[in-house]
Amino acid sequence: MILEFRTYRLKPGSTADFLRVMGEESIPLLESAGLRVIDYGRSLVAEDGREEAYLIRAFTSLEEHERQEREFYGSEAWLKGPREDIVSRIESYHTIVIETSEAAVATLRRA
């Protein structure tokens, strides 16, 4: 399994709206496109006092990761959907991709 951790440094005061749009629009859209969302939310620690959030997704391979991301982020559903409401609140983001077991992925899944 491939596990992707994405962290977002958010613009001041935008965390609540970012997480609302993520939960109500972006996550359902990701899942309807076949992407496996494991968890998302607010970081418990704000580095340098900055607001931060995260998204964790799982893929069966690096090739699937690349294909699904390319197709999703190029889709009309994303581009004409929640994209602007998400992107406009992000100051920067960072992604880490690791290889792990299905058991580890299951452990991380939000109940």
PDB file of N, CA and C in Angstrom:
ATOM      1  N   MET A   1       0.837  -1.191   0.000  1.00  0.00           N
ATOM      2  CA  MET A   1       0.000   0.000   0.000  1.00  0.00           C
ATOM      3  C   MET A   1       0.877   1.249   0.000  1.00  0.00           C
ATOM      4  N   ILE A   2       0.365   2.266  -0.627  1.00  0.00           N
ATOM      5  CA  ILE A   2       1.009   3.569  -0.647  1.00  0.00           C
ATOM      6  C   ILE A   2       0.143   4.498   0.196  1.00  0.00           C
ATOM      7  N   LEU A   3       0.777   5.205   1.114  1.00  0.00           N
ATOM      8  CA  LEU A   3       0.064   6.115   1.997  1.00  0.00           C
ATOM      9  C   LEU A   3       0.598   7.523   1.764  1.00  0.00           C
ATOM     10  N   GLU A   4      -0.311   8.447   1.526  1.00  0.00           N
ATOM     11  CA  GLU A   4       0.057   9.836   1.276  1.00  0.00           C
ATOM     12  C   GLU A   4      -0.424  10.695   2.441  1.00  0.00           C
ATOM     13  N   PHE A   5       0.501  11.469   2.991  1.00  0.00           N
ATOM     14  CA  PHE A   5       0.177  12.443   4.027  1.00  0.00           C
ATOM     15  C   PHE A   5       0.356  13.820   3.404  1.00  0.00           C
ATOM     16  N   ARG A   6      -0.696  14.607   3.406  1.00  0.00           N
ATOM     17  CA  ARG A   6      -0.606  15.970   2.879  1.00  0.00           C
ATOM     18  C   ARG A   6      -0.918  16.936   4.018  1.00  0.00           C
ATOM     19  N   THR A   7      -0.017  17.882   4.240  1.00  0.00           N
ATOM     20  CA  THR A   7      -0.258  18.902   5.259  1.00  0.00           C
ATOM     21  C   THR A   7      -0.472  20.241   4.568  1.00  0.00           C
ATOM     22  N   TYR A   8      -1.351  21.030   5.136  1.00  0.00           N
ATOM     23  CA  TYR A   8      -1.693  22.333   4.580  1.00  0.00           C
ATOM     24  C   TYR A   8      -1.409  23.413   5.603  1.00  0.00           C
ATOM     25  N   ARG A   9      -0.654  24.422   5.225  1.00  0.00           N
ATOM     26  CA  ARG A   9      -0.529  25.629   6.034  1.00  0.00           C
ATOM     27  C   ARG A   9      -1.602  26.563   5.494  1.00  0.00           C
ATOM     28  N   LEU A  10      -2.510  26.963   6.370  1.00  0.00           N
ATOM     29  CA  LEU A  10      -3.685  27.717   5.939  1.00  0.00           C
ATOM     30  C   LEU A  10      -3.549  29.208   6.239  1.00  0.00           C
ATOM     31  N   LYS A  11      -4.275  29.989   5.472  1.00  0.00           N
ATOM     32  CA  LYS A  11      -4.297  31.429   5.701  1.00  0.00           C
ATOM     33  C   LYS A  11      -4.980  31.694   7.043  1.00  0.00           C
ATOM     34  N   PRO A  12      -4.541  32.723   7.750  1.00  0.00           N
ATOM     35  CA  PRO A  12      -5.111  33.023   9.069  1.00  0.00           C
ATOM     36  C   PRO A  12      -6.634  33.129   9.039  1.00  0.00           C
ATOM     37  N   GLY A  13      -7.267  32.485  10.011  1.00  0.00           N
ATOM     38  CA  GLY A  13      -8.714  32.547  10.152  1.00  0.00           C
ATOM     39  C   GLY A  13      -9.508  31.694   9.184  1.00  0.00           C
ATOM     40  N   SER A  14      -8.842  30.855   8.392  1.00  0.00           N
ATOM     41  CA  SER A  14      -9.561  30.104   7.354  1.00  0.00           C
ATOM     42  C   SER A  14      -9.784  28.626   7.684  1.00  0.00           C
ATOM     43  N   THR A  15      -9.278  28.153   8.826  1.00  0.00           N
ATOM     44  CA  THR A  15      -9.318  26.720   9.120  1.00  0.00           C
ATOM     45  C   THR A  15     -10.734  26.163   9.170  1.00  0.00           C
ATOM     46  N   ALA A  16     -11.627  26.812   9.873  1.00  0.00           N
ATOM     47  CA  ALA A  16     -12.995  26.300  10.003  1.00  0.00           C
ATOM     48  C   ALA A  16     -13.670  26.170   8.640  1.00  0.00           C
ATOM     49  N   ASP A  17     -13.548  27.189   7.801  1.00  0.00           N
ATOM     50  CA  ASP A  17     -14.151  27.136   6.467  1.00  0.00           C
ATOM     51  C   ASP A  17     -13.464  26.087   5.593  1.00  0.00           C
ATOM     52  N   PHE A  18     -12.130  26.000   5.681  1.00  0.00           N
ATOM     53  CA  PHE A  18     -11.389  24.997   4.911  1.00  0.00           C
ATOM     54  C   PHE A  18     -11.886  23.593   5.259  1.00  0.00           C
ATOM     55  N   LEU A  19     -11.988  23.299   6.555  1.00  0.00           N
ATOM     56  CA  LEU A  19     -12.415  21.964   6.980  1.00  0.00           C
ATOM     57  C   LEU A  19     -13.882  21.694   6.640  1.00  0.00           C
ATOM     58  N   ARG A  20     -14.718  22.722   6.689  1.00  0.00           N
ATOM     59  CA  ARG A  20     -16.119  22.556   6.304  1.00  0.00           C
ATOM     60  C   ARG A  20     -16.222  22.187   4.834  1.00  0.00           C
ATOM     61  N   VAL A  21     -15.544  22.930   3.960  1.00  0.00           N
ATOM     62  CA  VAL A  21     -15.571  22.650   2.523  1.00  0.00           C
ATOM     63  C   VAL A  21     -14.930  21.284   2.244  1.00  0.00           C
ATOM     64  N   MET A  22     -13.852  20.983   2.938  1.00  0.00           N
ATOM     65  CA  MET A  22     -13.200  19.682   2.770  1.00  0.00           C
ATOM     66  C   MET A  22     -14.190  18.559   3.091  1.00  0.00           C
ATOM     67  N   GLY A  23     -14.838  18.658   4.253  1.00  0.00           N
ATOM     68  CA  GLY A  23     -15.746  17.596   4.681  1.00  0.00           C
ATOM     69  C   GLY A  23     -17.037  17.496   3.890  1.00  0.00           C
ATOM     70  N   GLU A  24     -17.603  18.636   3.524  1.00  0.00           N
ATOM     71  CA  GLU A  24     -18.897  18.642   2.842  1.00  0.00           C
ATOM     72  C   GLU A  24     -18.799  18.468   1.330  1.00  0.00           C
ATOM     73  N   GLU A  25     -17.692  18.912   0.732  1.00  0.00           N
ATOM     74  CA  GLU A  25     -17.593  18.890  -0.721  1.00  0.00           C
ATOM     75  C   GLU A  25     -16.407  18.104  -1.265  1.00  0.00           C
ATOM     76  N   SER A  26     -15.208  18.430  -0.786  1.00  0.00           N
ATOM     77  CA  SER A  26     -14.002  17.846  -1.365  1.00  0.00           C
ATOM     78  C   SER A  26     -13.871  16.345  -1.083  1.00  0.00           C
ATOM     79  N   ILE A  27     -14.031  15.929   0.165  1.00  0.00           N
ATOM     80  CA  ILE A  27     -13.893  14.507   0.501  1.00  0.00           C
ATOM     81  C   ILE A  27     -14.929  13.664  -0.246  1.00  0.00           C
ATOM     82  N   PRO A  28     -16.222  14.029  -0.238  1.00  0.00           N
ATOM     83  CA  PRO A  28     -17.182  13.237  -1.020  1.00  0.00           C
ATOM     84  C   PRO A  28     -16.828  13.169  -2.507  1.00  0.00           C
ATOM     85  N   LEU A  29     -16.296  14.252  -3.056  1.00  0.00           N
ATOM     86  CA  LEU A  29     -15.905  14.266  -4.465  1.00  0.00           C
ATOM     87  C   LEU A  29     -14.706  13.348  -4.702  1.00  0.00           C
ATOM     88  N   LEU A  30     -13.711  13.403  -3.821  1.00  0.00           N
ATOM     89  CA  LEU A  30     -12.565  12.500  -3.919  1.00  0.00           C
ATOM     90  C   LEU A  30     -13.029  11.043  -3.888  1.00  0.00           C
ATOM     91  N   GLU A  31     -13.880  10.731  -2.930  1.00  0.00           N
ATOM     92  CA  GLU A  31     -14.337   9.344  -2.778  1.00  0.00           C
ATOM     93  C   GLU A  31     -15.199   8.895  -3.961  1.00  0.00           C
ATOM     94  N   SER A  32     -16.014   9.782  -4.496  1.00  0.00           N
ATOM     95  CA  SER A  32     -16.835   9.400  -5.658  1.00  0.00           C
ATOM     96  C   SER A  32     -15.974   9.163  -6.894  1.00  0.00           C
ATOM     97  N   ALA A  33     -14.762   9.749  -6.903  1.00  0.00           N
ATOM     98  CA  ALA A  33     -13.823   9.537  -8.013  1.00  0.00           C
ATOM     99  C   ALA A  33     -12.949   8.305  -7.770  1.00  0.00           C
ATOM    100  N   GLY A  34     -13.178   7.608  -6.652  1.00  0.00           N
ATOM    101  CA  GLY A  34     -12.446   6.383  -6.371  1.00  0.00           C
ATOM    102  C   GLY A  34     -11.190   6.545  -5.537  1.00  0.00           C
ATOM    103  N   LEU A  35     -10.920   7.755  -5.051  1.00  0.00           N
ATOM    104  CA  LEU A  35      -9.755   7.952  -4.181  1.00  0.00           C
ATOM    105  C   LEU A  35     -10.127   7.540  -2.758  1.00  0.00           C
ATOM    106  N   ARG A  36      -9.215   6.887  -2.105  1.00  0.00           N
ATOM    107  CA  ARG A  36      -9.451   6.343  -0.769  1.00  0.00           C
ATOM    108  C   ARG A  36      -8.937   7.318   0.293  1.00  0.00           C
ATOM    109  N   VAL A  37      -9.860   8.034   0.918  1.00  0.00           N
ATOM    110  CA  VAL A  37      -9.520   8.990   1.965  1.00  0.00           C
ATOM    111  C   VAL A  37      -9.511   8.252   3.296  1.00  0.00           C
ATOM    112  N   ILE A  38      -8.399   8.346   4.015  1.00  0.00           N
ATOM    113  CA  ILE A  38      -8.240   7.678   5.299  1.00  0.00           C
ATOM    114  C   ILE A  38      -8.645   8.593   6.444  1.00  0.00           C
ATOM    115  N   ASP A  39      -8.238   9.855   6.388  1.00  0.00           N
ATOM    116  CA  ASP A  39      -8.563  10.804   7.445  1.00  0.00           C
ATOM    117  C   ASP A  39      -8.221  12.218   6.981  1.00  0.00           C
ATOM    118  N   TYR A  40      -8.799  13.201   7.660  1.00  0.00           N
ATOM    119  CA  TYR A  40      -8.462  14.601   7.432  1.00  0.00           C
ATOM    120  C   TYR A  40      -8.849  15.361   8.685  1.00  0.00           C
ATOM    121  N   GLY A  41      -8.296  16.533   8.852  1.00  0.00           N
ATOM    122  CA  GLY A  41      -8.675  17.341  10.000  1.00  0.00           C
ATOM    123  C   GLY A  41      -7.682  18.447  10.286  1.00  0.00           C
ATOM    124  N   ARG A  42      -7.844  19.011  11.455  1.00  0.00           N
ATOM    125  CA  ARG A  42      -6.999  20.109  11.939  1.00  0.00           C
ATOM    126  C   ARG A  42      -5.797  19.518  12.661  1.00  0.00           C
ATOM    127  N   SER A  43      -4.634  20.086  12.442  1.00  0.00           N
ATOM    128  CA  SER A  43      -3.439  19.678  13.173  1.00  0.00           C
ATOM    129  C   SER A  43      -3.602  20.064  14.640  1.00  0.00           C
ATOM    130  N   LEU A  44      -3.170  19.189  15.526  1.00  0.00           N
ATOM    131  CA  LEU A  44      -3.238  19.487  16.953  1.00  0.00           C
ATOM    132  C   LEU A  44      -2.196  20.505  17.379  1.00  0.00           C
ATOM    133  N   VAL A  45      -1.155  20.659  16.574  1.00  0.00           N
ATOM    134  CA  VAL A  45      -0.087  21.610  16.860  1.00  0.00           C
ATOM    135  C   VAL A  45       0.035  22.567  15.680  1.00  0.00           C
ATOM    136  N   ALA A  46       0.065  23.844  15.994  1.00  0.00           N
ATOM    137  CA  ALA A  46       0.222  24.864  14.954  1.00  0.00           C
ATOM    138  C   ALA A  46       1.669  25.342  14.967  1.00  0.00           C
ATOM    139  N   GLU A  47       2.456  24.852  14.008  1.00  0.00           N
ATOM    140  CA  GLU A  47       3.865  25.236  13.918  1.00  0.00           C
ATOM    141  C   GLU A  47       3.976  26.732  13.681  1.00  0.00           C
ATOM    142  N   ASP A  48       4.814  27.396  14.455  1.00  0.00           N
ATOM    143  CA  ASP A  48       4.998  28.848  14.352  1.00  0.00           C
ATOM    144  C   ASP A  48       3.685  29.603  14.538  1.00  0.00           C
ATOM    145  N   GLY A  49       2.724  28.994  15.238  1.00  0.00           N
ATOM    146  CA  GLY A  49       1.438  29.641  15.467  1.00  0.00           C
ATOM    147  C   GLY A  49       0.540  29.694  14.243  1.00  0.00           C
ATOM    148  N   ARG A  50       0.916  28.995  13.169  1.00  0.00           N
ATOM    149  CA  ARG A  50       0.155  29.017  11.914  1.00  0.00           C
ATOM    150  C   ARG A  50      -0.899  27.922  11.920  1.00  0.00           C
ATOM    151  N   GLU A  51      -2.026  28.189  11.311  1.00  0.00           N
ATOM    152  CA  GLU A  51      -3.101  27.214  11.221  1.00  0.00           C
ATOM    153  C   GLU A  51      -2.728  26.139  10.211  1.00  0.00           C
ATOM    154  N   GLU A  52      -2.950  24.878  10.582  1.00  0.00           N
ATOM    155  CA  GLU A  52      -2.588  23.765   9.706  1.00  0.00           C
ATOM    156  C   GLU A  52      -3.658  22.688   9.730  1.00  0.00           C
ATOM    157  N   ALA A  53      -3.741  21.952   8.621  1.00  0.00           N
ATOM    158  CA  ALA A  53      -4.673  20.840   8.487  1.00  0.00           C
ATOM    159  C   ALA A  53      -3.950  19.717   7.742  1.00  0.00           C
ATOM    160  N   TYR A  54      -4.605  18.553   7.663  1.00  0.00           N
ATOM    161  CA  TYR A  54      -3.988  17.409   6.985  1.00  0.00           C
ATOM    162  C   TYR A  54      -5.030  16.599   6.233  1.00  0.00           C
ATOM    163  N   LEU A  55      -4.523  15.798   5.303  1.00  0.00           N
ATOM    164  CA  LEU A  55      -5.323  14.842   4.533  1.00  0.00           C
ATOM    165  C   LEU A  55      -4.460  13.593   4.371  1.00  0.00           C
ATOM    166  N   ILE A  56      -5.037  12.426   4.660  1.00  0.00           N
ATOM    167  CA  ILE A  56      -4.330  11.156   4.480  1.00  0.00           C
ATOM    168  C   ILE A  56      -5.129  10.325   3.483  1.00  0.00           C
ATOM    169  N   ARG A  57      -4.431   9.837   2.448  1.00  0.00           N
ATOM    170  CA  ARG A  57      -5.077   9.000   1.432  1.00  0.00           C
ATOM    171  C   ARG A  57      -4.243   7.755   1.197  1.00  0.00           C
ATOM    172  N   ALA A  58      -4.878   6.691   0.708  1.00  0.00           N
ATOM    173  CA  ALA A  58      -4.181   5.427   0.437  1.00  0.00           C
ATOM    174  C   ALA A  58      -4.408   5.020  -1.011  1.00  0.00           C
ATOM    175  N   PHE A  59      -3.386   4.359  -1.566  1.00  0.00           N
ATOM    176  CA  PHE A  59      -3.405   3.894  -2.954  1.00  0.00           C
ATOM    177  C   PHE A  59      -2.770   2.511  -3.001  1.00  0.00           C
ATOM    178  N   THR A  60      -3.110   1.735  -3.996  1.00  0.00           N
ATOM    179  CA  THR A  60      -2.527   0.393  -4.100  1.00  0.00           C
ATOM    180  C   THR A  60      -1.120   0.409  -4.690  1.00  0.00           C
ATOM    181  N   SER A  61      -0.762   1.480  -5.410  1.00  0.00           N
ATOM    182  CA  SER A  61       0.569   1.569  -6.021  1.00  0.00           C
ATOM    183  C   SER A  61       0.899   3.030  -6.322  1.00  0.00           C
ATOM    184  N   LEU A  62       2.170   3.284  -6.600  1.00  0.00           N
ATOM    185  CA  LEU A  62       2.575   4.632  -7.001  1.00  0.00           C
ATOM    186  C   LEU A  62       1.930   5.029  -8.322  1.00  0.00           C
ATOM    187  N   GLU A  63       1.807   4.058  -9.215  1.00  0.00           N
ATOM    188  CA  GLU A  63       1.177   4.336 -10.517  1.00  0.00           C
ATOM    189  C   GLU A  63      -0.283   4.749 -10.329  1.00  0.00           C
ATOM    190  N   GLU A  64      -0.982   4.053  -9.427  1.00  0.00           N
ATOM    191  CA  GLU A  64      -2.380   4.416  -9.152  1.00  0.00           C
ATOM    192  C   GLU A  64      -2.442   5.812  -8.537  1.00  0.00           C
ATOM    193  N   HIS A  65      -1.540   6.101  -7.627  1.00  0.00           N
ATOM    194  CA  HIS A  65      -1.473   7.428  -7.001  1.00  0.00           C
ATOM    195  C   HIS A  65      -1.345   8.516  -8.062  1.00  0.00           C
ATOM    196  N   GLU A  66      -0.388   8.352  -8.962  1.00  0.00           N
ATOM    197  CA  GLU A  66      -0.161   9.345 -10.008  1.00  0.00           C
ATOM    198  C   GLU A  66      -1.360   9.464 -10.943  1.00  0.00           C
ATOM    199  N   ARG A  67      -1.913   8.330 -11.356  1.00  0.00           N
ATOM    200  CA  ARG A  67      -3.047   8.338 -12.279  1.00  0.00           C
ATOM    201  C   ARG A  67      -4.272   8.989 -11.641  1.00  0.00           C
ATOM    202  N   GLN A  68      -4.609   8.558 -10.429  1.00  0.00           N
ATOM    203  CA  GLN A  68      -5.806   9.098  -9.788  1.00  0.00           C
ATOM    204  C   GLN A  68      -5.680  10.587  -9.503  1.00  0.00           C
ATOM    205  N   GLU A  69      -4.521  11.024  -9.075  1.00  0.00           N
ATOM    206  CA  GLU A  69      -4.332  12.458  -8.829  1.00  0.00           C
ATOM    207  C   GLU A  69      -4.469  13.253 -10.127  1.00  0.00           C
ATOM    208  N   ARG A  70      -3.821  12.789 -11.176  1.00  0.00           N
ATOM    209  CA  ARG A  70      -3.876  13.479 -12.472  1.00  0.00           C
ATOM    210  C   ARG A  70      -5.321  13.580 -12.959  1.00  0.00           C
ATOM    211  N   GLU A  71      -6.043  12.471 -12.897  1.00  0.00           N
ATOM    212  CA  GLU A  71      -7.424  12.465 -13.375  1.00  0.00           C
ATOM    213  C   GLU A  71      -8.332  13.327 -12.500  1.00  0.00           C
ATOM    214  N   PHE A  72      -8.185  13.218 -11.185  1.00  0.00           N
ATOM    215  CA  PHE A  72      -9.058  13.974 -10.292  1.00  0.00           C
ATOM    216  C   PHE A  72      -8.814  15.470 -10.411  1.00  0.00           C
ATOM    217  N   TYR A  73      -7.550  15.895 -10.263  1.00  0.00           N
ATOM    218  CA  TYR A  73      -7.264  17.331 -10.252  1.00  0.00           C
ATOM    219  C   TYR A  73      -7.394  17.983 -11.621  1.00  0.00           C
ATOM    220  N   GLY A  74      -7.549  17.186 -12.663  1.00  0.00           N
ATOM    221  CA  GLY A  74      -7.826  17.713 -13.993  1.00  0.00           C
ATOM    222  C   GLY A  74      -9.299  17.633 -14.371  1.00  0.00           C
ATOM    223  N   SER A  75     -10.115  17.077 -13.490  1.00  0.00           N
ATOM    224  CA  SER A  75     -11.531  16.858 -13.807  1.00  0.00           C
ATOM    225  C   SER A  75     -12.359  18.138 -13.676  1.00  0.00           C
ATOM    226  N   GLU A  76     -13.415  18.208 -14.451  1.00  0.00           N
ATOM    227  CA  GLU A  76     -14.336  19.343 -14.358  1.00  0.00           C
ATOM    228  C   GLU A  76     -15.017  19.390 -13.012  1.00  0.00           C
ATOM    229  N   ALA A  77     -15.305  18.215 -12.440  1.00  0.00           N
ATOM    230  CA  ALA A  77     -15.962  18.164 -11.131  1.00  0.00           C
ATOM    231  C   ALA A  77     -15.134  18.894 -10.082  1.00  0.00           C
ATOM    232  N   TRP A  78     -13.808  18.746 -10.113  1.00  0.00           N
ATOM    233  CA  TRP A  78     -12.933  19.439  -9.181  1.00  0.00           C
ATOM    234  C   TRP A  78     -12.754  20.898  -9.585  1.00  0.00           C
ATOM    235  N   LEU A  79     -12.439  21.129 -10.860  1.00  0.00           N
ATOM    236  CA  LEU A  79     -12.134  22.483 -11.323  1.00  0.00           C
ATOM    237  C   LEU A  79     -13.325  23.424 -11.207  1.00  0.00           C
ATOM    238  N   LYS A  80     -14.532  22.909 -11.432  1.00  0.00           N
ATOM    239  CA  LYS A  80     -15.730  23.742 -11.336  1.00  0.00           C
ATOM    240  C   LYS A  80     -16.457  23.544 -10.017  1.00  0.00           C
ATOM    241  N   GLY A  81     -15.909  22.650  -9.169  1.00  0.00           N
ATOM    242  CA  GLY A  81     -16.510  22.359  -7.875  1.00  0.00           C
ATOM    243  C   GLY A  81     -15.808  23.112  -6.752  1.00  0.00           C
ATOM    244  N   PRO A  82     -15.329  22.380  -5.743  1.00  0.00           N
ATOM    245  CA  PRO A  82     -14.786  23.034  -4.542  1.00  0.00           C
ATOM    246  C   PRO A  82     -13.357  23.554  -4.672  1.00  0.00           C
ATOM    247  N   ARG A  83     -12.732  23.422  -5.820  1.00  0.00           N
ATOM    248  CA  ARG A  83     -11.322  23.795  -5.971  1.00  0.00           C
ATOM    249  C   ARG A  83     -11.012  25.183  -5.425  1.00  0.00           C
ATOM    250  N   GLU A  84     -11.729  26.187  -5.879  1.00  0.00           N
ATOM    251  CA  GLU A  84     -11.424  27.564  -5.480  1.00  0.00           C
ATOM    252  C   GLU A  84     -11.620  27.757  -3.974  1.00  0.00           C
ATOM    253  N   ASP A  85     -12.665  27.169  -3.399  1.00  0.00           N
ATOM    254  CA  ASP A  85     -12.903  27.302  -1.959  1.00  0.00           C
ATOM    255  C   ASP A  85     -11.814  26.620  -1.133  1.00  0.00           C
ATOM    256  N   ILE A  86     -11.186  25.601  -1.682  1.00  0.00           N
ATOM    257  CA  ILE A  86     -10.083  24.923  -0.989  1.00  0.00           C
ATOM    258  C   ILE A  86      -8.776  25.685  -1.228  1.00  0.00           C
ATOM    259  N   VAL A  87      -8.416  25.866  -2.472  1.00  0.00           N
ATOM    260  CA  VAL A  87      -7.120  26.458  -2.835  1.00  0.00           C
ATOM    261  C   VAL A  87      -6.971  27.885  -2.294  1.00  0.00           C
ATOM    262  N   SER A  88      -8.046  28.647  -2.267  1.00  0.00           N
ATOM    263  CA  SER A  88      -7.959  30.044  -1.823  1.00  0.00           C
ATOM    264  C   SER A  88      -7.610  30.165  -0.345  1.00  0.00           C
ATOM    265  N   ARG A  89      -7.760  29.098   0.411  1.00  0.00           N
ATOM    266  CA  ARG A  89      -7.461  29.125   1.850  1.00  0.00           C
ATOM    267  C   ARG A  89      -6.087  28.542   2.190  1.00  0.00           C
ATOM    268  N   ILE A  90      -5.389  28.009   1.191  1.00  0.00           N
ATOM    269  CA  ILE A  90      -4.098  27.366   1.427  1.00  0.00           C
ATOM    270  C   ILE A  90      -2.960  28.352   1.166  1.00  0.00           C
ATOM    271  N   GLU A  91      -2.086  28.467   2.151  1.00  0.00           N
ATOM    272  CA  GLU A  91      -0.881  29.267   1.985  1.00  0.00           C
ATOM    273  C   GLU A  91       0.202  28.415   1.309  1.00  0.00           C
ATOM    274  N   SER A  92       0.354  27.171   1.780  1.00  0.00           N
ATOM    275  CA  SER A  92       1.290  26.226   1.180  1.00  0.00           C
ATOM    276  C   SER A  92       0.894  24.819   1.619  1.00  0.00           C
ATOM    277  N   TYR A  93       1.435  23.824   0.919  1.00  0.00           N
ATOM    278  CA  TYR A  93       1.196  22.445   1.344  1.00  0.00           C
ATOM    279  C   TYR A  93       2.430  21.605   1.064  1.00  0.00           C
ATOM    280  N   HIS A  94       2.477  20.468   1.747  1.00  0.00           N
ATOM    281  CA  HIS A  94       3.604  19.553   1.607  1.00  0.00           C
ATOM    282  C   HIS A  94       3.049  18.135   1.602  1.00  0.00           C
ATOM    283  N   THR A  95       3.617  17.281   0.767  1.00  0.00           N
ATOM    284  CA  THR A  95       3.155  15.905   0.647  1.00  0.00           C
ATOM    285  C   THR A  95       4.302  14.934   0.907  1.00  0.00           C
ATOM    286  N   ILE A  96       3.998  13.901   1.686  1.00  0.00           N
ATOM    287  CA  ILE A  96       4.931  12.801   1.924  1.00  0.00           C
ATOM    288  C   ILE A  96       4.216  11.520   1.514  1.00  0.00           C
ATOM    289  N   VAL A  97       4.889  10.670   0.755  1.00  0.00           N
ATOM    290  CA  VAL A  97       4.320   9.406   0.287  1.00  0.00           C
ATOM    291  C   VAL A  97       5.226   8.285   0.767  1.00  0.00           C
ATOM    292  N   ILE A  98       4.625   7.286   1.446  1.00  0.00           N
ATOM    293  CA  ILE A  98       5.399   6.161   1.964  1.00  0.00           C
ATOM    294  C   ILE A  98       4.733   4.850   1.567  1.00  0.00           C
ATOM    295  N   GLU A  99       5.499   3.777   1.640  1.00  0.00           N
ATOM    296  CA  GLU A  99       4.965   2.437   1.419  1.00  0.00           C
ATOM    297  C   GLU A  99       4.692   1.827   2.787  1.00  0.00           C
ATOM    298  N   THR A 100       3.543   1.167   2.930  1.00  0.00           N
ATOM    299  CA  THR A 100       3.162   0.581   4.212  1.00  0.00           C
ATOM    300  C   THR A 100       2.229  -0.605   3.986  1.00  0.00           C
ATOM    301  N   SER A 101       1.764  -1.188   5.062  1.00  0.00           N
ATOM    302  CA  SER A 101       0.873  -2.343   4.966  1.00  0.00           C
ATOM    303  C   SER A 101      -0.592  -1.914   5.014  1.00  0.00           C
ATOM    304  N   GLU A 102      -1.459  -2.785   4.555  1.00  0.00           N
ATOM    305  CA  GLU A 102      -2.900  -2.546   4.639  1.00  0.00           C
ATOM    306  C   GLU A 102      -3.322  -2.426   6.103  1.00  0.00           C
ATOM    307  N   ALA A 103      -2.682  -3.196   6.993  1.00  0.00           N
ATOM    308  CA  ALA A 103      -3.009  -3.121   8.423  1.00  0.00           C
ATOM    309  C   ALA A 103      -2.717  -1.723   8.987  1.00  0.00           C
ATOM    310  N   ALA A 104      -1.607  -1.140   8.567  1.00  0.00           N
ATOM    311  CA  ALA A 104      -1.265   0.207   9.022  1.00  0.00           C
ATOM    312  C   ALA A 104      -2.285   1.222   8.514  1.00  0.00           C
ATOM    313  N   VAL A 105      -2.715   1.063   7.272  1.00  0.00           N
ATOM    314  CA  VAL A 105      -3.723   1.945   6.700  1.00  0.00           C
ATOM    315  C   VAL A 105      -5.030   1.823   7.481  1.00  0.00           C
ATOM    316  N   ALA A 106      -5.439   0.592   7.782  1.00  0.00           N
ATOM    317  CA  ALA A 106      -6.671   0.355   8.530  1.00  0.00           C
ATOM    318  C   ALA A 106      -6.603   0.988   9.927  1.00  0.00           C
ATOM    319  N   THR A 107      -5.441   0.937  10.533  1.00  0.00           N
ATOM    320  CA  THR A 107      -5.271   1.514  11.865  1.00  0.00           C
ATOM    321  C   THR A 107      -5.450   3.029  11.846  1.00  0.00           C
ATOM    322  N   LEU A 108      -5.020   3.656  10.776  1.00  0.00           N
ATOM    323  CA  LEU A 108      -5.119   5.120  10.669  1.00  0.00           C
ATOM    324  C   LEU A 108      -6.512   5.618  10.290  1.00  0.00           C
ATOM    325  N   ARG A 109      -7.335   4.748   9.745  1.00  0.00           N
ATOM    326  CA  ARG A 109      -8.663   5.176   9.274  1.00  0.00           C
ATOM    327  C   ARG A 109      -9.489   5.710  10.423  1.00  0.00           C
ATOM    328  N   ARG A 110     -10.064   6.884  10.199  1.00  0.00           N
ATOM    329  CA  ARG A 110     -10.929   7.508  11.222  1.00  0.00           C
ATOM    330  C   ARG A 110     -12.195   6.662  11.351  1.00  0.00           C
ATOM    331  N   ALA A 111     -12.561   6.402  12.567  1.00  0.00           N
ATOM    332  CA  ALA A 111     -13.765   5.578  12.831  1.00  0.00           C
ATOM    333  C   ALA A 111     -15.030   6.314  12.486  1.00  0.00           C
TER     334      ALA A 111
END
